[in-house]
Protein backbone atom coordinates (compact mmCIF):
# COMPACT_ATOMS: atom_id res chain seq x y z
CA MET A 1 6.78 -6.47 -14.23
CA PRO A 2 7.38 -10.17 -13.56
CA GLY A 3 9.02 -10.90 -10.20
CA ALA A 4 9.11 -7.26 -9.14
CA THR A 5 7.45 -4.42 -7.28
CA VAL A 6 7.32 -1.08 -9.07
CA SER A 7 5.87 2.26 -8.05
CA LYS A 8 5.17 5.58 -9.70
CA PRO A 9 4.28 8.84 -7.94
CA LEU A 10 1.12 10.36 -9.40
CA LEU A 11 1.11 13.43 -7.16
CA ASN A 12 3.75 14.81 -4.82
CA LEU A 13 2.81 17.97 -2.94
CA PRO A 14 3.72 19.32 0.50
CA GLU A 15 0.19 18.37 1.65
CA GLY A 16 0.29 14.79 0.42
CA LYS A 17 1.47 12.17 -1.98
CA VAL A 18 -0.31 9.64 -4.22
CA VAL A 19 1.64 6.63 -5.49
CA ILE A 20 0.52 3.71 -7.65
CA PHE A 21 2.17 0.35 -6.98
CA ALA A 22 2.28 -2.83 -9.05
CA MET A 23 3.44 -6.05 -7.40
CA ASP A 24 3.83 -9.48 -8.94
CA ALA A 25 2.46 -12.51 -7.08
CA GLY A 26 4.64 -13.41 -4.10
CA GLN A 27 6.31 -10.01 -3.81
CA GLU A 28 6.48 -8.64 -0.27
CA MET A 29 7.16 -5.42 1.56
CA SER A 30 8.60 -6.15 4.98
CA GLU A 31 7.31 -4.35 8.04
CA HIS A 32 7.89 -0.62 7.94
CA ARG A 33 6.27 2.62 9.14
CA ALA A 34 5.27 5.92 7.58
CA PRO A 35 5.02 9.11 9.64
CA PHE A 36 1.72 10.04 7.95
CA VAL A 37 -1.89 8.91 7.95
CA ALA A 38 -2.38 6.88 4.76
CA THR A 39 -4.99 5.04 2.73
CA VAL A 40 -4.50 2.01 0.50
CA GLN A 41 -7.00 1.13 -2.23
CA VAL A 42 -6.64 -2.04 -4.29
CA LEU A 43 -7.38 -1.58 -8.00
CA GLU A 44 -6.84 -5.20 -9.10
CA GLY A 45 -5.41 -8.40 -7.66
CA ARG A 46 -5.22 -9.51 -4.03
CA LEU A 47 -3.00 -8.45 -1.12
CA ARG A 48 -2.45 -9.74 2.38
CA PHE A 49 -2.06 -6.49 4.30
CA GLY A 50 -1.07 -6.34 7.95
CA VAL A 51 -1.39 -3.25 10.14
CA ASP A 52 -0.17 -3.64 13.74
CA SER A 53 -1.32 -7.16 14.71
CA ALA A 54 -4.34 -7.29 12.34
CA GLU A 55 -4.23 -8.85 8.87
CA LYS A 56 -6.70 -8.40 6.06
CA ILE A 57 -7.00 -9.99 2.60
CA MET A 58 -7.79 -7.15 0.20
CA GLY A 59 -9.18 -7.36 -3.32
CA PRO A 60 -10.42 -4.91 -5.97
CA ASN A 61 -12.15 -1.83 -4.51
CA ASP A 62 -11.12 -2.70 -0.93
CA TRP A 63 -9.41 0.07 0.99
CA LEU A 64 -8.05 0.72 4.45
CA LEU A 65 -6.95 3.63 6.58
CA MET A 66 -3.63 3.43 8.42
CA PRO A 67 -2.75 5.65 11.36
CA ALA A 68 0.54 7.54 11.30
CA ASN A 69 3.52 5.44 12.42
CA ALA A 70 1.55 2.17 12.34
CA PRO A 71 3.77 -0.81 11.54
CA HIS A 72 2.53 -2.45 8.34
CA ARG A 73 3.56 -5.14 5.87
CA LEU A 74 2.09 -6.66 2.72
CA THR A 75 2.30 -9.59 0.33
CA ALA A 76 0.81 -9.78 -3.16
CA LEU A 77 -1.18 -13.01 -3.40
CA GLU A 78 -1.53 -12.49 -7.15
CA PRO A 79 -0.40 -9.73 -9.52
CA THR A 80 -1.78 -6.59 -7.87
CA ARG A 81 -2.08 -2.86 -8.42
CA PHE A 82 -2.96 -0.47 -5.59
CA VAL A 83 -2.90 3.22 -4.77
CA LEU A 84 -1.23 4.60 -1.65
CA THR A 85 -2.24 8.08 -0.50
CA LEU A 86 -0.18 9.80 2.22
CA PHE A 87 -1.69 12.75 4.07
CA LYS A 88 1.21 14.90 5.23
CA ARG A 89 0.96 17.40 8.06
CA GLU A 90 3.21 20.31 8.82
């Protein structure tokens, strides 16, 4: 969607959650935290993804692992789709 960030849950279980995101170029998510270990895998496009003080440019098939409660932020450098997987613990 032009000028927007949209997301759709693909799976939502007590053990974990899988969400697909689509971001237009220039869209950002400001720094935030999640209480779960998570992975991000880019399907298409490019992201600037920061975790703690490290930043990484990610493209198709790139993925990263984020520790629980790690501060992270991202910017779509071009129209991008990625999958976020949260691993919940009881």
